Amino acid sequence: MAKKEHLLNSNNNEVLNTIKQQIAIVDMIKENASLIDKINSKEFKEKQMIDLSNKNNVPIEKISIKNIKDNSRFSNTILKQVYKHSSGQIFIATDYFKAKKNLLIKIDKETDPVINPKSEIYKKYIDKSNSEYISKVYKSYDKYINAIYKININEKVLQRLINSI
C-alpha cells in the first residue's frame, strides 16, 4: 500500500475555517479570563454589564427560574451554576458541550419557596423522612446490640427456616 502525504496549506477552506475557529476560541478564553478577573476583584458592576451589552449589541433579558429543574430557558449545566450563586452576584456561566457560548448572569433576587403542609408533595416528603429516620434508629440499635452481644447463627436451622417459607 502506498502512503499518501497530505500537506496543509492556507488555500484549503477547511484549514482556514479550523484556524479561524481556534483563534475565536482563544480570543473568547482571553476575554473570559479578563472578565472573571474584573468580577472577582469587584471592578465589574451592573453598569459595566450594561455597557458590555450595548457594545456587543446583545440585549439583556430578565428571566425567572422556577426551580433547579426548570430547563425551559437554560440547560441543566447552566442551572446548576446559577444555583451555586446568591442574590446580587454577577458571574459567567458556560455550557461547554451544548451551547458553545457564555452567559453573563446577575441574580437580582431570590424568593423562598412557599410550603403548603396540606399538599401531597409535603406529605410524601414527610413520610419519606420519617421512614428514613426510623430506619436509621433501627440500624443504630442493631449496631449497639451487636456490639454488646455475640450472636451465633446456626446455619442448618436458618436454612430449614428459609426452605419452609
N, C-alpha and C. Protein backbone atom coordinates (compact mmCIF):
# COMPACT_ATOMS: atom_id res chain seq x y z
N MET A 1 0.83 -1.19 0.00
CA MET A 1 0.00 0.00 0.00
C MET A 1 0.87 1.25 0.00
N ALA A 2 0.52 2.18 -0.81
CA ALA A 2 1.28 3.42 -0.90
C ALA A 2 0.81 4.38 0.19
N LYS A 3 1.74 5.07 0.72
CA LYS A 3 1.44 6.04 1.78
C LYS A 3 1.30 7.42 1.16
N LYS A 4 0.19 8.09 1.46
CA LYS A 4 -0.04 9.42 0.89
C LYS A 4 0.26 10.47 1.95
N GLU A 5 0.85 11.52 1.52
CA GLU A 5 1.12 12.64 2.41
C GLU A 5 0.20 13.79 2.05
N HIS A 6 -0.43 14.35 3.07
CA HIS A 6 -1.30 15.49 2.86
C HIS A 6 -0.64 16.71 3.47
N LEU A 7 -0.43 17.70 2.68
CA LEU A 7 0.12 18.94 3.18
C LEU A 7 -1.02 19.93 3.39
N LEU A 8 -0.98 20.57 4.53
CA LEU A 8 -1.99 21.58 4.83
C LEU A 8 -1.48 22.92 4.35
N ASN A 9 -2.30 23.59 3.58
CA ASN A 9 -1.90 24.92 3.13
C ASN A 9 -3.04 25.89 3.35
N SER A 10 -2.72 27.14 3.27
CA SER A 10 -3.71 28.18 3.57
C SER A 10 -4.75 28.36 2.47
N ASN A 11 -4.61 27.67 1.36
CA ASN A 11 -5.61 27.76 0.29
C ASN A 11 -6.78 26.82 0.54
N ASN A 12 -6.60 25.86 1.42
CA ASN A 12 -7.64 24.88 1.74
C ASN A 12 -8.68 25.53 2.66
N ASN A 13 -9.96 25.53 2.26
CA ASN A 13 -11.03 26.17 3.04
C ASN A 13 -11.21 25.53 4.41
N GLU A 14 -11.08 24.22 4.50
CA GLU A 14 -11.21 23.53 5.79
C GLU A 14 -10.15 23.99 6.77
N VAL A 15 -8.93 24.11 6.28
CA VAL A 15 -7.82 24.57 7.12
C VAL A 15 -8.08 25.99 7.59
N LEU A 16 -8.52 26.84 6.69
CA LEU A 16 -8.81 28.24 7.07
C LEU A 16 -9.92 28.31 8.11
N ASN A 17 -10.99 27.55 7.92
CA ASN A 17 -12.10 27.55 8.89
C ASN A 17 -11.65 27.04 10.25
N THR A 18 -10.84 25.99 10.26
CA THR A 18 -10.35 25.44 11.52
C THR A 18 -9.49 26.46 12.26
N ILE A 19 -8.62 27.12 11.53
CA ILE A 19 -7.75 28.14 12.14
C ILE A 19 -8.57 29.29 12.69
N LYS A 20 -9.57 29.74 11.92
CA LYS A 20 -10.44 30.84 12.38
C LYS A 20 -11.20 30.45 13.65
N GLN A 21 -11.70 29.22 13.70
CA GLN A 21 -12.43 28.76 14.88
C GLN A 21 -11.51 28.69 16.09
N GLN A 22 -10.29 28.22 15.90
CA GLN A 22 -9.35 28.13 17.02
C GLN A 22 -8.96 29.52 17.52
N ILE A 23 -8.78 30.45 16.60
CA ILE A 23 -8.46 31.83 17.01
C ILE A 23 -9.64 32.43 17.79
N ALA A 24 -10.86 32.17 17.34
CA ALA A 24 -12.05 32.68 18.03
C ALA A 24 -12.14 32.10 19.44
N ILE A 25 -11.83 30.82 19.59
CA ILE A 25 -11.87 30.18 20.91
C ILE A 25 -10.82 30.78 21.83
N VAL A 26 -9.61 30.99 21.32
CA VAL A 26 -8.54 31.59 22.13
C VAL A 26 -8.93 33.00 22.55
N ASP A 27 -9.49 33.78 21.62
CA ASP A 27 -9.93 35.14 21.95
C ASP A 27 -11.02 35.13 23.02
N MET A 28 -11.96 34.18 22.90
CA MET A 28 -13.05 34.07 23.88
C MET A 28 -12.48 33.71 25.26
N ILE A 29 -11.51 32.82 25.30
CA ILE A 29 -10.91 32.43 26.58
C ILE A 29 -10.20 33.61 27.22
N LYS A 30 -9.45 34.38 26.42
CA LYS A 30 -8.76 35.56 26.95
C LYS A 30 -9.75 36.59 27.48
N GLU A 31 -10.82 36.82 26.72
CA GLU A 31 -11.83 37.80 27.13
C GLU A 31 -12.52 37.34 28.41
N ASN A 32 -12.84 36.04 28.49
CA ASN A 32 -13.48 35.50 29.70
C ASN A 32 -12.57 35.62 30.91
N ALA A 33 -11.29 35.33 30.73
CA ALA A 33 -10.34 35.42 31.84
C ALA A 33 -10.26 36.85 32.36
N SER A 34 -10.21 37.81 31.43
CA SER A 34 -10.17 39.22 31.83
C SER A 34 -11.45 39.61 32.58
N LEU A 35 -12.58 39.17 32.06
CA LEU A 35 -13.87 39.47 32.69
C LEU A 35 -13.97 38.84 34.08
N ILE A 36 -13.52 37.60 34.20
CA ILE A 36 -13.56 36.91 35.50
C ILE A 36 -12.66 37.62 36.51
N ASP A 37 -11.50 38.07 36.07
CA ASP A 37 -10.61 38.82 36.97
C ASP A 37 -11.29 40.09 37.47
N LYS A 38 -11.98 40.81 36.57
CA LYS A 38 -12.69 42.03 36.97
C LYS A 38 -13.84 41.71 37.94
N ILE A 39 -14.56 40.62 37.67
CA ILE A 39 -15.67 40.22 38.56
C ILE A 39 -15.14 39.86 39.93
N ASN A 40 -14.07 39.07 39.97
CA ASN A 40 -13.50 38.63 41.25
C ASN A 40 -12.92 39.77 42.06
N SER A 41 -12.38 40.79 41.37
CA SER A 41 -11.82 41.93 42.09
C SER A 41 -12.86 43.02 42.37
N LYS A 42 -14.12 42.71 42.10
CA LYS A 42 -15.26 43.61 42.36
C LYS A 42 -15.21 44.89 41.52
N GLU A 43 -14.48 44.86 40.39
CA GLU A 43 -14.42 46.01 39.49
C GLU A 43 -15.56 45.98 38.47
N PHE A 44 -16.17 44.85 38.29
CA PHE A 44 -17.22 44.69 37.28
C PHE A 44 -18.57 44.74 37.98
N LYS A 45 -19.30 45.79 37.72
CA LYS A 45 -20.62 46.00 38.34
C LYS A 45 -21.70 45.94 37.28
N GLU A 46 -22.92 46.21 37.69
CA GLU A 46 -24.06 46.16 36.77
C GLU A 46 -23.91 47.19 35.64
N LYS A 47 -23.35 48.35 35.93
CA LYS A 47 -23.15 49.37 34.89
C LYS A 47 -22.23 48.86 33.79
N GLN A 48 -21.14 48.18 34.17
CA GLN A 48 -20.22 47.62 33.18
C GLN A 48 -20.90 46.50 32.39
N MET A 49 -21.80 45.79 33.03
CA MET A 49 -22.55 44.73 32.35
C MET A 49 -23.44 45.34 31.27
N ILE A 50 -24.10 46.44 31.59
CA ILE A 50 -24.96 47.13 30.62
C ILE A 50 -24.12 47.71 29.48
N ASP A 51 -22.97 48.30 29.82
CA ASP A 51 -22.07 48.84 28.78
C ASP A 51 -21.59 47.74 27.84
N LEU A 52 -21.23 46.58 28.39
CA LEU A 52 -20.78 45.45 27.59
C LEU A 52 -21.90 44.96 26.68
N SER A 53 -23.12 44.96 27.20
CA SER A 53 -24.27 44.54 26.41
C SER A 53 -24.49 45.49 25.23
N ASN A 54 -24.42 46.78 25.49
CA ASN A 54 -24.61 47.77 24.43
C ASN A 54 -23.48 47.71 23.40
N LYS A 55 -22.25 47.54 23.88
CA LYS A 55 -21.08 47.49 22.99
C LYS A 55 -21.18 46.32 22.02
N ASN A 56 -21.62 45.18 22.51
CA ASN A 56 -21.70 43.97 21.68
C ASN A 56 -23.07 43.78 21.04
N ASN A 57 -23.98 44.73 21.27
CA ASN A 57 -25.32 44.68 20.70
C ASN A 57 -26.07 43.39 21.09
N VAL A 58 -25.94 43.05 22.37
CA VAL A 58 -26.62 41.87 22.91
C VAL A 58 -27.61 42.36 23.97
N PRO A 59 -28.90 42.14 23.75
CA PRO A 59 -29.89 42.64 24.72
C PRO A 59 -29.83 41.87 26.05
N ILE A 60 -30.11 42.59 27.11
CA ILE A 60 -30.19 41.97 28.44
C ILE A 60 -31.60 41.46 28.63
N GLU A 61 -31.71 40.22 29.06
CA GLU A 61 -33.03 39.61 29.29
C GLU A 61 -33.22 39.36 30.77
N LYS A 62 -34.44 39.60 31.24
CA LYS A 62 -34.80 39.24 32.61
C LYS A 62 -35.57 37.93 32.54
N ILE A 63 -35.06 36.94 33.25
CA ILE A 63 -35.64 35.60 33.20
C ILE A 63 -35.91 35.13 34.61
N SER A 64 -37.07 34.55 34.82
CA SER A 64 -37.41 33.95 36.10
C SER A 64 -37.23 32.43 35.99
N ILE A 65 -36.61 31.88 37.00
CA ILE A 65 -36.41 30.43 37.05
C ILE A 65 -37.24 29.91 38.22
N LYS A 66 -38.08 28.92 37.94
CA LYS A 66 -38.96 28.38 38.98
C LYS A 66 -38.20 27.53 39.99
N ASN A 67 -37.34 26.64 39.48
CA ASN A 67 -36.56 25.76 40.35
C ASN A 67 -35.38 25.19 39.56
N ILE A 68 -34.59 24.37 40.21
CA ILE A 68 -33.38 23.84 39.57
C ILE A 68 -33.71 22.87 38.44
N LYS A 69 -34.93 22.42 38.34
CA LYS A 69 -35.33 21.51 37.27
C LYS A 69 -36.01 22.24 36.10
N ASP A 70 -36.12 23.56 36.21
CA ASP A 70 -36.79 24.36 35.17
C ASP A 70 -35.82 24.62 34.02
N ASN A 71 -35.75 23.68 33.08
CA ASN A 71 -34.82 23.83 31.97
C ASN A 71 -35.51 24.36 30.71
N SER A 72 -36.50 25.22 30.90
CA SER A 72 -37.20 25.81 29.75
C SER A 72 -36.32 26.84 29.03
N ARG A 73 -35.40 27.49 29.73
CA ARG A 73 -34.53 28.50 29.12
C ARG A 73 -33.05 28.14 29.15
N PHE A 74 -32.65 27.36 30.15
CA PHE A 74 -31.24 27.01 30.32
C PHE A 74 -31.07 25.51 30.41
N SER A 75 -29.87 25.05 30.08
CA SER A 75 -29.56 23.63 30.24
C SER A 75 -29.35 23.32 31.72
N ASN A 76 -29.34 22.05 32.06
CA ASN A 76 -29.13 21.63 33.45
C ASN A 76 -27.77 22.10 33.96
N THR A 77 -26.77 22.11 33.09
CA THR A 77 -25.43 22.56 33.48
C THR A 77 -25.45 24.02 33.91
N ILE A 78 -26.12 24.86 33.13
CA ILE A 78 -26.21 26.29 33.46
C ILE A 78 -27.01 26.48 34.75
N LEU A 79 -28.12 25.74 34.89
CA LEU A 79 -28.95 25.87 36.09
C LEU A 79 -28.16 25.53 37.35
N LYS A 80 -27.34 24.50 37.29
CA LYS A 80 -26.52 24.14 38.46
C LYS A 80 -25.56 25.26 38.81
N GLN A 81 -25.00 25.91 37.80
CA GLN A 81 -24.09 27.03 38.04
C GLN A 81 -24.85 28.21 38.66
N VAL A 82 -26.06 28.46 38.18
CA VAL A 82 -26.87 29.56 38.72
C VAL A 82 -27.17 29.33 40.19
N TYR A 83 -27.54 28.10 40.54
CA TYR A 83 -27.92 27.81 41.92
C TYR A 83 -26.74 27.74 42.88
N LYS A 84 -25.52 27.84 42.37
CA LYS A 84 -24.34 27.91 43.24
C LYS A 84 -24.06 29.35 43.68
N HIS A 85 -24.75 30.31 43.09
CA HIS A 85 -24.52 31.72 43.40
C HIS A 85 -25.73 32.29 44.15
N SER A 86 -25.53 33.46 44.73
CA SER A 86 -26.62 34.04 45.50
C SER A 86 -27.00 35.41 44.95
N SER A 87 -27.99 35.98 45.54
CA SER A 87 -28.57 37.24 45.09
C SER A 87 -27.52 38.35 45.03
N GLY A 88 -27.54 39.11 43.91
CA GLY A 88 -26.63 40.23 43.73
C GLY A 88 -25.32 39.87 43.05
N GLN A 89 -25.02 38.59 42.91
CA GLN A 89 -23.76 38.19 42.30
C GLN A 89 -23.82 38.24 40.77
N ILE A 90 -22.68 38.60 40.17
CA ILE A 90 -22.50 38.56 38.73
C ILE A 90 -21.47 37.49 38.44
N PHE A 91 -21.73 36.65 37.45
CA PHE A 91 -20.81 35.56 37.12
C PHE A 91 -20.99 35.13 35.67
N ILE A 92 -20.03 34.38 35.18
CA ILE A 92 -20.11 33.83 33.84
C ILE A 92 -20.51 32.37 33.96
N ALA A 93 -21.53 31.97 33.21
CA ALA A 93 -21.97 30.57 33.17
C ALA A 93 -21.74 30.05 31.76
N THR A 94 -21.24 28.83 31.68
CA THR A 94 -20.91 28.25 30.39
C THR A 94 -21.36 26.81 30.33
N ASP A 95 -21.92 26.45 29.20
CA ASP A 95 -22.21 25.05 28.91
C ASP A 95 -21.32 24.68 27.73
N TYR A 96 -20.16 24.16 28.03
CA TYR A 96 -19.14 23.93 27.00
C TYR A 96 -19.60 22.96 25.93
N PHE A 97 -20.40 21.97 26.31
CA PHE A 97 -20.71 20.89 25.38
C PHE A 97 -21.92 21.19 24.50
N LYS A 98 -22.89 21.92 24.99
CA LYS A 98 -24.12 22.14 24.22
C LYS A 98 -24.16 23.52 23.56
N ALA A 99 -24.05 24.56 24.35
CA ALA A 99 -24.33 25.91 23.85
C ALA A 99 -23.15 26.54 23.11
N LYS A 100 -21.94 26.25 23.52
CA LYS A 100 -20.74 26.87 22.96
C LYS A 100 -20.81 28.39 23.04
N LYS A 101 -21.43 28.87 24.09
CA LYS A 101 -21.45 30.31 24.33
C LYS A 101 -21.46 30.53 25.83
N ASN A 102 -21.09 31.74 26.20
CA ASN A 102 -21.04 32.11 27.61
C ASN A 102 -22.21 33.03 27.93
N LEU A 103 -22.67 32.94 29.14
CA LEU A 103 -23.73 33.83 29.61
C LEU A 103 -23.20 34.62 30.79
N LEU A 104 -23.39 35.91 30.74
CA LEU A 104 -23.05 36.77 31.86
C LEU A 104 -24.35 36.96 32.63
N ILE A 105 -24.35 36.49 33.87
CA ILE A 105 -25.59 36.44 34.65
C ILE A 105 -25.45 37.25 35.93
N LYS A 106 -26.51 37.99 36.23
CA LYS A 106 -26.62 38.67 37.52
C LYS A 106 -27.92 38.20 38.16
N ILE A 107 -27.83 37.73 39.37
CA ILE A 107 -29.03 37.29 40.08
C ILE A 107 -29.60 38.50 40.82
N ASP A 108 -30.79 38.92 40.39
CA ASP A 108 -31.42 40.09 41.01
C ASP A 108 -31.97 39.77 42.39
N LYS A 109 -32.80 38.74 42.44
CA LYS A 109 -33.40 38.40 43.74
C LYS A 109 -33.75 36.93 43.78
N GLU A 110 -33.80 36.44 44.98
CA GLU A 110 -34.21 35.05 45.22
C GLU A 110 -35.47 35.08 46.08
N THR A 111 -36.33 34.16 45.82
CA THR A 111 -37.53 34.06 46.66
C THR A 111 -37.54 32.70 47.34
N ASP A 112 -37.95 32.71 48.58
CA ASP A 112 -38.04 31.46 49.33
C ASP A 112 -39.30 30.71 48.90
N PRO A 113 -39.21 29.41 48.80
CA PRO A 113 -40.39 28.64 48.39
C PRO A 113 -41.46 28.66 49.48
N VAL A 114 -42.70 28.63 49.05
CA VAL A 114 -43.82 28.56 49.97
C VAL A 114 -44.20 27.09 50.12
N ILE A 115 -44.21 26.63 51.35
CA ILE A 115 -44.51 25.22 51.61
C ILE A 115 -45.91 25.11 52.18
N ASN A 116 -46.73 24.33 51.50
CA ASN A 116 -48.09 24.09 51.97
C ASN A 116 -48.12 22.74 52.69
N PRO A 117 -48.30 22.75 54.01
CA PRO A 117 -48.27 21.49 54.76
C PRO A 117 -49.42 20.53 54.41
N LYS A 118 -50.42 21.00 53.67
CA LYS A 118 -51.53 20.13 53.31
C LYS A 118 -51.37 19.52 51.92
N SER A 119 -50.29 19.88 51.21
CA SER A 119 -50.11 19.37 49.86
C SER A 119 -49.64 17.91 49.88
N GLU A 120 -49.89 17.23 48.79
CA GLU A 120 -49.49 15.82 48.67
C GLU A 120 -47.98 15.66 48.65
N ILE A 121 -47.30 16.59 48.02
CA ILE A 121 -45.83 16.51 47.95
C ILE A 121 -45.23 16.64 49.35
N TYR A 122 -45.77 17.56 50.14
CA TYR A 122 -45.28 17.74 51.51
C TYR A 122 -45.49 16.46 52.32
N LYS A 123 -46.67 15.87 52.19
CA LYS A 123 -46.96 14.63 52.91
C LYS A 123 -46.03 13.50 52.47
N LYS A 124 -45.74 13.45 51.18
CA LYS A 124 -44.86 12.42 50.64
C LYS A 124 -43.45 12.55 51.24
N TYR A 125 -42.95 13.80 51.31
CA TYR A 125 -41.61 14.00 51.86
C TYR A 125 -41.57 13.78 53.38
N ILE A 126 -42.61 14.10 54.05
CA ILE A 126 -42.68 13.82 55.49
C ILE A 126 -42.62 12.32 55.72
N ASP A 127 -43.42 11.57 54.96
CA ASP A 127 -43.40 10.11 55.10
C ASP A 127 -42.03 9.54 54.78
N LYS A 128 -41.41 10.06 53.74
CA LYS A 128 -40.08 9.57 53.34
C LYS A 128 -39.05 9.88 54.43
N SER A 129 -39.09 11.09 54.97
CA SER A 129 -38.12 11.44 56.01
C SER A 129 -38.35 10.64 57.29
N ASN A 130 -39.63 10.40 57.62
CA ASN A 130 -39.92 9.58 58.79
C ASN A 130 -39.42 8.16 58.63
N SER A 131 -39.62 7.58 57.45
CA SER A 131 -39.17 6.20 57.24
C SER A 131 -37.64 6.13 57.25
N GLU A 132 -36.96 7.15 56.71
CA GLU A 132 -35.50 7.17 56.76
C GLU A 132 -35.01 7.32 58.21
N TYR A 133 -35.69 8.14 58.98
CA TYR A 133 -35.31 8.33 60.38
C TYR A 133 -35.49 7.03 61.16
N ILE A 134 -36.63 6.38 60.96
CA ILE A 134 -36.90 5.11 61.65
C ILE A 134 -35.85 4.07 61.26
N SER A 135 -35.51 4.02 59.99
CA SER A 135 -34.50 3.08 59.52
C SER A 135 -33.15 3.34 60.19
N LYS A 136 -32.77 4.60 60.33
CA LYS A 136 -31.50 4.93 60.98
C LYS A 136 -31.52 4.54 62.45
N VAL A 137 -32.66 4.75 63.11
CA VAL A 137 -32.76 4.37 64.53
C VAL A 137 -32.61 2.86 64.68
N TYR A 138 -33.29 2.08 63.82
CA TYR A 138 -33.18 0.62 63.90
C TYR A 138 -31.76 0.15 63.61
N LYS A 139 -31.11 0.75 62.62
CA LYS A 139 -29.73 0.37 62.31
C LYS A 139 -28.80 0.70 63.46
N SER A 140 -29.00 1.84 64.08
CA SER A 140 -28.19 2.23 65.22
C SER A 140 -28.39 1.27 66.39
N TYR A 141 -29.64 0.92 66.65
CA TYR A 141 -29.95 -0.02 67.73
C TYR A 141 -29.35 -1.40 67.43
N ASP A 142 -29.43 -1.81 66.18
CA ASP A 142 -28.87 -3.10 65.77
C ASP A 142 -27.35 -3.12 65.99
N LYS A 143 -26.66 -2.04 65.63
CA LYS A 143 -25.21 -1.97 65.85
C LYS A 143 -24.89 -2.02 67.34
N TYR A 144 -25.70 -1.33 68.13
CA TYR A 144 -25.50 -1.31 69.57
C TYR A 144 -25.64 -2.72 70.16
N ILE A 145 -26.69 -3.41 69.78
CA ILE A 145 -26.93 -4.77 70.29
C ILE A 145 -25.81 -5.71 69.82
N ASN A 146 -25.42 -5.61 68.55
CA ASN A 146 -24.36 -6.48 68.02
C ASN A 146 -23.01 -6.21 68.69
N ALA A 147 -22.77 -4.98 69.13
CA ALA A 147 -21.52 -4.66 69.81
C ALA A 147 -21.48 -5.27 71.21
N ILE A 148 -22.62 -5.37 71.85
CA ILE A 148 -22.68 -5.90 73.22
C ILE A 148 -22.74 -7.43 73.23
N TYR A 149 -23.59 -8.00 72.38
CA TYR A 149 -23.83 -9.44 72.39
C TYR A 149 -23.25 -10.09 71.14
N LYS A 150 -22.61 -11.21 71.33
CA LYS A 150 -22.16 -12.02 70.21
C LYS A 150 -23.28 -12.97 69.84
N ILE A 151 -23.69 -12.94 68.59
CA ILE A 151 -24.79 -13.78 68.14
C ILE A 151 -24.24 -14.82 67.18
N ASN A 152 -24.48 -16.07 67.51
CA ASN A 152 -24.08 -17.18 66.65
C ASN A 152 -25.31 -17.71 65.95
N ILE A 153 -25.21 -17.82 64.65
CA ILE A 153 -26.35 -18.30 63.88
C ILE A 153 -26.08 -19.75 63.47
N ASN A 154 -27.04 -20.60 63.82
CA ASN A 154 -26.94 -21.99 63.41
C ASN A 154 -27.40 -22.06 61.96
N GLU A 155 -26.44 -22.27 61.03
CA GLU A 155 -26.72 -22.24 59.60
C GLU A 155 -27.75 -23.28 59.18
N LYS A 156 -27.71 -24.47 59.80
CA LYS A 156 -28.65 -25.53 59.42
C LYS A 156 -30.08 -25.14 59.77
N VAL A 157 -30.27 -24.56 60.93
CA VAL A 157 -31.59 -24.14 61.36
C VAL A 157 -32.09 -23.00 60.46
N LEU A 158 -31.21 -22.07 60.16
CA LEU A 158 -31.57 -20.95 59.30
C LEU A 158 -31.98 -21.44 57.91
N GLN A 159 -31.25 -22.40 57.38
CA GLN A 159 -31.57 -22.94 56.06
C GLN A 159 -32.92 -23.64 56.07
N ARG A 160 -33.22 -24.36 57.15
CA ARG A 160 -34.53 -25.02 57.26
C ARG A 160 -35.65 -24.00 57.31
N LEU A 161 -35.42 -22.91 58.03
CA LEU A 161 -36.44 -21.85 58.10
C LEU A 161 -36.67 -21.22 56.73
N ILE A 162 -35.60 -20.98 56.01
CA ILE A 162 -35.73 -20.39 54.68
C ILE A 162 -36.46 -21.33 53.74
N ASN A 163 -36.14 -22.61 53.81
CA ASN A 163 -36.79 -23.60 52.93
C ASN A 163 -38.26 -23.79 53.28
N SER A 164 -38.64 -23.56 54.53
CA SER A 164 -40.02 -23.77 54.93
C SER A 164 -40.93 -22.61 54.52
N ILE A 165 -40.34 -21.51 54.15
CA ILE A 165 -41.16 -20.35 53.76
C ILE A 165 -41.70 -20.46 52.39
